[in-house]
Amino acid sequence: MMLFPSGSETISAVLAGRADGSVMSAPTAMMMLKDPKLADLERAAPFTGVMRADGTPDAMATAIAFRPGDEELRDAYNARLAEMKTDGTVAEIMTRYGFSEDDTAPERTTASMCAGE
């Protein structure tokens, strides 16, 4: 197992035969593989990520962090994000990058994810 400081260095190691493969986020892999110079590489699909003890897939998500005291900014961000999820803007943007409807569902909230739903 090797650790590289960037995605491009990871890809270079795979292309040079110094690494058999790489683990990176799905959005990063999808973005990098759009480069025609990487046509010899492919994304593992279907890919099974982290699994729960009962055998069901565990949701993986990205988070946005706000400093303590920035509640007004956090609340404004969350309100606008909720609007964009409801009106379909988030789904439209995310599907361009290979995400499914399940990944962009408006009902996926911080509270529901923390509850393991």
N, C-alpha and C. Protein backbone atom coordinates (compact mmCIF):
# COMPACT_ATOMS: atom_id res chain seq x y z
N MET A 1 0.84 -1.16 0.00
CA MET A 1 0.00 0.00 0.00
C MET A 1 0.90 1.24 0.00
N MET A 2 0.56 2.18 -0.86
CA MET A 2 1.33 3.42 -0.96
C MET A 2 0.40 4.61 -0.81
N LEU A 3 0.94 5.70 -0.34
CA LEU A 3 0.18 6.94 -0.19
C LEU A 3 0.80 7.98 -1.10
N PHE A 4 -0.03 8.63 -1.91
CA PHE A 4 0.44 9.67 -2.82
C PHE A 4 -0.20 11.00 -2.43
N PRO A 5 0.50 12.09 -2.65
CA PRO A 5 -0.02 13.39 -2.24
C PRO A 5 -1.14 13.94 -3.13
N SER A 6 -1.33 13.37 -4.32
CA SER A 6 -2.37 13.89 -5.21
C SER A 6 -2.90 12.78 -6.11
N GLY A 7 -4.07 13.03 -6.67
CA GLY A 7 -4.66 12.08 -7.60
C GLY A 7 -3.82 11.87 -8.84
N SER A 8 -3.23 12.95 -9.34
CA SER A 8 -2.42 12.81 -10.55
C SER A 8 -1.18 11.96 -10.31
N GLU A 9 -0.59 12.08 -9.13
CA GLU A 9 0.58 11.25 -8.81
C GLU A 9 0.16 9.78 -8.64
N THR A 10 -1.03 9.57 -8.13
CA THR A 10 -1.56 8.20 -7.99
C THR A 10 -1.73 7.58 -9.38
N ILE A 11 -2.35 8.33 -10.28
CA ILE A 11 -2.57 7.84 -11.64
C ILE A 11 -1.24 7.58 -12.33
N SER A 12 -0.27 8.45 -12.12
CA SER A 12 1.06 8.24 -12.72
C SER A 12 1.67 6.93 -12.25
N ALA A 13 1.49 6.62 -10.97
CA ALA A 13 2.03 5.36 -10.43
C ALA A 13 1.35 4.15 -11.07
N VAL A 14 0.05 4.23 -11.29
CA VAL A 14 -0.68 3.13 -11.93
C VAL A 14 -0.20 2.98 -13.37
N LEU A 15 -0.12 4.10 -14.09
CA LEU A 15 0.32 4.04 -15.49
C LEU A 15 1.75 3.52 -15.64
N ALA A 16 2.60 3.83 -14.66
CA ALA A 16 4.00 3.39 -14.72
C ALA A 16 4.19 1.96 -14.21
N GLY A 17 3.11 1.35 -13.71
CA GLY A 17 3.21 -0.01 -13.20
C GLY A 17 3.74 -0.10 -11.78
N ARG A 18 3.85 1.02 -11.09
CA ARG A 18 4.32 1.01 -9.69
C ARG A 18 3.17 0.69 -8.74
N ALA A 19 1.94 0.77 -9.24
CA ALA A 19 0.76 0.45 -8.43
C ALA A 19 -0.22 -0.30 -9.32
N ASP A 20 -0.92 -1.27 -8.74
CA ASP A 20 -1.88 -2.05 -9.50
C ASP A 20 -3.20 -1.33 -9.68
N GLY A 21 -3.53 -0.45 -8.77
CA GLY A 21 -4.80 0.26 -8.82
C GLY A 21 -4.78 1.38 -7.81
N SER A 22 -5.89 2.06 -7.70
CA SER A 22 -5.98 3.19 -6.79
C SER A 22 -7.38 3.27 -6.21
N VAL A 23 -7.46 3.80 -5.02
CA VAL A 23 -8.75 4.06 -4.39
C VAL A 23 -8.88 5.57 -4.29
N MET A 24 -9.98 6.07 -4.82
CA MET A 24 -10.27 7.50 -4.73
C MET A 24 -11.78 7.66 -4.77
N SER A 25 -12.25 8.84 -4.48
CA SER A 25 -13.69 9.06 -4.50
C SER A 25 -14.23 8.87 -5.92
N ALA A 26 -15.49 8.44 -6.01
CA ALA A 26 -16.11 8.24 -7.32
C ALA A 26 -16.07 9.52 -8.15
N PRO A 27 -16.40 10.69 -7.59
CA PRO A 27 -16.34 11.90 -8.41
C PRO A 27 -14.94 12.19 -8.94
N THR A 28 -13.92 11.93 -8.13
CA THR A 28 -12.55 12.16 -8.58
C THR A 28 -12.20 11.20 -9.71
N ALA A 29 -12.55 9.94 -9.55
CA ALA A 29 -12.27 8.95 -10.59
C ALA A 29 -12.98 9.31 -11.89
N MET A 30 -14.25 9.67 -11.79
CA MET A 30 -15.01 10.00 -12.99
C MET A 30 -14.42 11.22 -13.70
N MET A 31 -14.01 12.23 -12.93
CA MET A 31 -13.42 13.42 -13.51
C MET A 31 -12.09 13.09 -14.20
N MET A 32 -11.23 12.36 -13.50
CA MET A 32 -9.91 12.06 -14.04
C MET A 32 -10.01 11.19 -15.29
N LEU A 33 -10.94 10.26 -15.33
CA LEU A 33 -11.03 9.34 -16.45
C LEU A 33 -11.63 9.97 -17.71
N LYS A 34 -12.07 11.22 -17.62
CA LYS A 34 -12.51 11.93 -18.81
C LYS A 34 -11.33 12.35 -19.68
N ASP A 35 -10.14 12.33 -19.12
CA ASP A 35 -8.93 12.71 -19.84
C ASP A 35 -8.62 11.64 -20.88
N PRO A 36 -8.60 11.99 -22.17
CA PRO A 36 -8.34 10.98 -23.21
C PRO A 36 -6.99 10.28 -23.06
N LYS A 37 -6.04 10.91 -22.37
CA LYS A 37 -4.73 10.28 -22.16
C LYS A 37 -4.81 9.10 -21.19
N LEU A 38 -5.95 8.98 -20.51
CA LEU A 38 -6.12 7.89 -19.54
C LEU A 38 -7.07 6.81 -20.06
N ALA A 39 -7.18 6.72 -21.37
CA ALA A 39 -8.10 5.76 -21.99
C ALA A 39 -7.79 4.31 -21.63
N ASP A 40 -6.56 4.01 -21.22
CA ASP A 40 -6.19 2.64 -20.86
C ASP A 40 -6.63 2.28 -19.44
N LEU A 41 -7.13 3.25 -18.69
CA LEU A 41 -7.58 2.99 -17.33
C LEU A 41 -9.10 2.91 -17.30
N GLU A 42 -9.62 2.21 -16.31
CA GLU A 42 -11.07 2.14 -16.17
C GLU A 42 -11.46 2.17 -14.70
N ARG A 43 -12.67 2.58 -14.47
CA ARG A 43 -13.23 2.63 -13.12
C ARG A 43 -13.86 1.27 -12.83
N ALA A 44 -13.66 0.77 -11.63
CA ALA A 44 -14.28 -0.49 -11.24
C ALA A 44 -15.79 -0.28 -11.15
N ALA A 45 -16.52 -1.05 -11.93
CA ALA A 45 -17.98 -0.93 -11.90
C ALA A 45 -18.57 -2.30 -12.20
N PRO A 46 -19.53 -2.75 -11.47
CA PRO A 46 -20.05 -2.06 -10.29
C PRO A 46 -19.05 -2.11 -9.14
N PHE A 47 -19.13 -1.13 -8.29
CA PHE A 47 -18.23 -1.05 -7.15
C PHE A 47 -19.05 -1.15 -5.88
N THR A 48 -18.62 -2.00 -4.97
CA THR A 48 -19.28 -2.12 -3.68
C THR A 48 -18.41 -1.42 -2.65
N GLY A 49 -18.97 -0.40 -2.05
CA GLY A 49 -18.25 0.35 -1.04
C GLY A 49 -18.40 -0.26 0.33
N VAL A 50 -18.45 0.58 1.32
CA VAL A 50 -18.57 0.14 2.71
C VAL A 50 -19.93 -0.53 2.91
N MET A 51 -19.90 -1.69 3.54
CA MET A 51 -21.14 -2.44 3.78
C MET A 51 -21.46 -2.45 5.28
N ARG A 52 -22.74 -2.38 5.59
CA ARG A 52 -23.20 -2.49 6.97
C ARG A 52 -23.13 -3.95 7.41
N ALA A 53 -23.25 -4.18 8.70
CA ALA A 53 -23.19 -5.54 9.24
C ALA A 53 -24.29 -6.43 8.66
N ASP A 54 -25.44 -5.83 8.29
CA ASP A 54 -26.54 -6.64 7.76
C ASP A 54 -26.40 -6.89 6.25
N GLY A 55 -25.28 -6.44 5.65
CA GLY A 55 -25.03 -6.71 4.24
C GLY A 55 -25.54 -5.64 3.29
N THR A 56 -26.18 -4.60 3.80
CA THR A 56 -26.65 -3.53 2.93
C THR A 56 -25.56 -2.47 2.78
N PRO A 57 -25.54 -1.78 1.63
CA PRO A 57 -24.53 -0.74 1.43
C PRO A 57 -24.72 0.42 2.40
N ASP A 58 -23.63 0.94 2.87
CA ASP A 58 -23.66 2.11 3.74
C ASP A 58 -23.48 3.34 2.87
N ALA A 59 -24.27 4.36 3.12
CA ALA A 59 -24.17 5.59 2.35
C ALA A 59 -22.85 6.28 2.64
N MET A 60 -22.27 6.81 1.61
CA MET A 60 -21.05 7.59 1.78
C MET A 60 -21.37 8.98 1.26
N ALA A 61 -20.97 9.99 1.97
CA ALA A 61 -21.34 11.33 1.58
C ALA A 61 -20.22 12.31 1.89
N THR A 62 -20.29 13.42 1.23
CA THR A 62 -19.37 14.52 1.47
C THR A 62 -20.05 15.50 2.40
N ALA A 63 -19.29 16.18 3.21
CA ALA A 63 -19.87 17.14 4.15
C ALA A 63 -19.25 18.52 3.93
N ILE A 64 -19.98 19.51 4.31
CA ILE A 64 -19.52 20.89 4.30
C ILE A 64 -19.39 21.30 5.76
N ALA A 65 -18.28 21.89 6.12
CA ALA A 65 -18.05 22.29 7.51
C ALA A 65 -18.11 23.81 7.63
N PHE A 66 -18.66 24.26 8.73
CA PHE A 66 -18.73 25.69 9.03
C PHE A 66 -18.12 25.91 10.41
N ARG A 67 -17.49 27.04 10.58
CA ARG A 67 -16.89 27.36 11.87
C ARG A 67 -17.97 27.60 12.91
N PRO A 68 -17.69 27.25 14.18
CA PRO A 68 -18.64 27.63 15.24
C PRO A 68 -18.82 29.15 15.19
N GLY A 69 -20.03 29.59 15.33
CA GLY A 69 -20.31 31.01 15.25
C GLY A 69 -20.80 31.44 13.87
N ASP A 70 -20.69 30.56 12.87
CA ASP A 70 -21.16 30.88 11.52
C ASP A 70 -22.52 30.25 11.24
N GLU A 71 -23.36 30.23 12.26
CA GLU A 71 -24.67 29.58 12.12
C GLU A 71 -25.52 30.23 11.03
N GLU A 72 -25.43 31.56 10.90
CA GLU A 72 -26.23 32.25 9.88
C GLU A 72 -25.81 31.80 8.48
N LEU A 73 -24.52 31.70 8.25
CA LEU A 73 -24.02 31.22 6.96
C LEU A 73 -24.43 29.76 6.74
N ARG A 74 -24.25 28.92 7.76
CA ARG A 74 -24.62 27.51 7.65
C ARG A 74 -26.10 27.36 7.32
N ASP A 75 -26.95 28.11 8.02
CA ASP A 75 -28.39 28.00 7.80
C ASP A 75 -28.78 28.48 6.40
N ALA A 76 -28.14 29.56 5.92
CA ALA A 76 -28.42 30.06 4.57
C ALA A 76 -27.97 29.02 3.53
N TYR A 77 -26.82 28.43 3.74
CA TYR A 77 -26.31 27.38 2.84
C TYR A 77 -27.29 26.21 2.81
N ASN A 78 -27.67 25.72 3.97
CA ASN A 78 -28.57 24.57 4.05
C ASN A 78 -29.93 24.86 3.42
N ALA A 79 -30.44 26.09 3.62
CA ALA A 79 -31.74 26.45 3.03
C ALA A 79 -31.65 26.44 1.50
N ARG A 80 -30.60 27.02 0.95
CA ARG A 80 -30.46 27.06 -0.51
C ARG A 80 -30.21 25.67 -1.08
N LEU A 81 -29.41 24.85 -0.38
CA LEU A 81 -29.17 23.48 -0.83
C LEU A 81 -30.49 22.70 -0.85
N ALA A 82 -31.31 22.86 0.17
CA ALA A 82 -32.61 22.17 0.21
C ALA A 82 -33.48 22.59 -0.97
N GLU A 83 -33.50 23.88 -1.30
CA GLU A 83 -34.26 24.36 -2.46
C GLU A 83 -33.75 23.71 -3.74
N MET A 84 -32.43 23.67 -3.89
CA MET A 84 -31.83 23.11 -5.10
C MET A 84 -32.06 21.61 -5.21
N LYS A 85 -32.14 20.91 -4.10
CA LYS A 85 -32.46 19.48 -4.13
C LYS A 85 -33.91 19.29 -4.55
N THR A 86 -34.80 20.10 -3.98
CA THR A 86 -36.22 19.97 -4.26
C THR A 86 -36.57 20.32 -5.70
N ASP A 87 -35.95 21.37 -6.24
CA ASP A 87 -36.29 21.78 -7.61
C ASP A 87 -35.55 20.99 -8.68
N GLY A 88 -34.68 20.06 -8.26
CA GLY A 88 -34.00 19.19 -9.21
C GLY A 88 -32.65 19.69 -9.69
N THR A 89 -32.23 20.87 -9.25
CA THR A 89 -30.95 21.42 -9.69
C THR A 89 -29.78 20.53 -9.28
N VAL A 90 -29.78 20.05 -8.05
CA VAL A 90 -28.68 19.20 -7.57
C VAL A 90 -28.63 17.91 -8.39
N ALA A 91 -29.78 17.29 -8.60
CA ALA A 91 -29.81 16.04 -9.38
C ALA A 91 -29.30 16.28 -10.79
N GLU A 92 -29.71 17.40 -11.41
CA GLU A 92 -29.26 17.71 -12.77
C GLU A 92 -27.74 17.85 -12.83
N ILE A 93 -27.18 18.55 -11.87
CA ILE A 93 -25.72 18.72 -11.84
C ILE A 93 -25.03 17.39 -11.56
N MET A 94 -25.50 16.65 -10.57
CA MET A 94 -24.84 15.42 -10.16
C MET A 94 -24.89 14.33 -11.23
N THR A 95 -26.00 14.23 -11.96
CA THR A 95 -26.09 13.19 -12.99
C THR A 95 -25.08 13.42 -14.10
N ARG A 96 -24.68 14.67 -14.32
CA ARG A 96 -23.63 14.94 -15.31
C ARG A 96 -22.33 14.25 -14.94
N TYR A 97 -22.16 13.95 -13.66
CA TYR A 97 -20.92 13.34 -13.17
C TYR A 97 -21.10 11.87 -12.80
N GLY A 98 -22.19 11.26 -13.26
CA GLY A 98 -22.36 9.83 -13.10
C GLY A 98 -23.07 9.39 -11.83
N PHE A 99 -23.63 10.32 -11.08
CA PHE A 99 -24.35 9.93 -9.87
C PHE A 99 -25.78 9.53 -10.22
N SER A 100 -26.36 8.68 -9.38
CA SER A 100 -27.72 8.20 -9.62
C SER A 100 -28.72 9.04 -8.84
N GLU A 101 -30.02 8.76 -9.07
CA GLU A 101 -31.07 9.45 -8.32
C GLU A 101 -30.95 9.19 -6.83
N ASP A 102 -30.54 7.98 -6.45
CA ASP A 102 -30.38 7.66 -5.03
C ASP A 102 -29.34 8.56 -4.36
N ASP A 103 -28.31 8.93 -5.11
CA ASP A 103 -27.25 9.77 -4.56
C ASP A 103 -27.70 11.20 -4.35
N THR A 104 -28.75 11.61 -5.05
CA THR A 104 -29.16 13.01 -5.02
C THR A 104 -30.55 13.21 -4.42
N ALA A 105 -31.11 12.18 -3.81
CA ALA A 105 -32.48 12.26 -3.30
C ALA A 105 -32.64 13.38 -2.27
N PRO A 106 -33.67 14.23 -2.43
CA PRO A 106 -33.87 15.36 -1.50
C PRO A 106 -34.08 14.93 -0.05
N GLU A 107 -34.58 13.71 0.16
CA GLU A 107 -34.83 13.27 1.54
C GLU A 107 -33.56 12.87 2.29
N ARG A 108 -32.44 12.79 1.59
CA ARG A 108 -31.18 12.48 2.27
C ARG A 108 -30.71 13.73 2.99
N THR A 109 -30.85 13.71 4.28
CA THR A 109 -30.48 14.86 5.10
C THR A 109 -29.37 14.47 6.07
N THR A 110 -28.76 15.45 6.67
CA THR A 110 -27.74 15.17 7.69
C THR A 110 -28.32 14.29 8.78
N ALA A 111 -29.52 14.64 9.25
CA ALA A 111 -30.14 13.88 10.33
C ALA A 111 -30.42 12.44 9.91
N SER A 112 -30.93 12.23 8.69
CA SER A 112 -31.26 10.87 8.26
C SER A 112 -29.99 10.03 8.08
N MET A 113 -28.94 10.65 7.57
CA MET A 113 -27.69 9.91 7.39
C MET A 113 -27.04 9.58 8.73
N CYS A 114 -27.07 10.50 9.66
CA CYS A 114 -26.50 10.23 10.99
C CYS A 114 -27.29 9.15 11.72
N ALA A 115 -28.57 9.01 11.37
CA ALA A 115 -29.42 7.97 11.96
C ALA A 115 -29.22 6.63 11.27
N GLY A 116 -28.35 6.59 10.25
CA GLY A 116 -28.07 5.33 9.56
C GLY A 116 -29.08 4.97 8.51
N GLU A 117 -29.87 5.93 8.08
CA GLU A 117 -30.90 5.65 7.06
C GLU A 117 -30.36 5.83 5.66
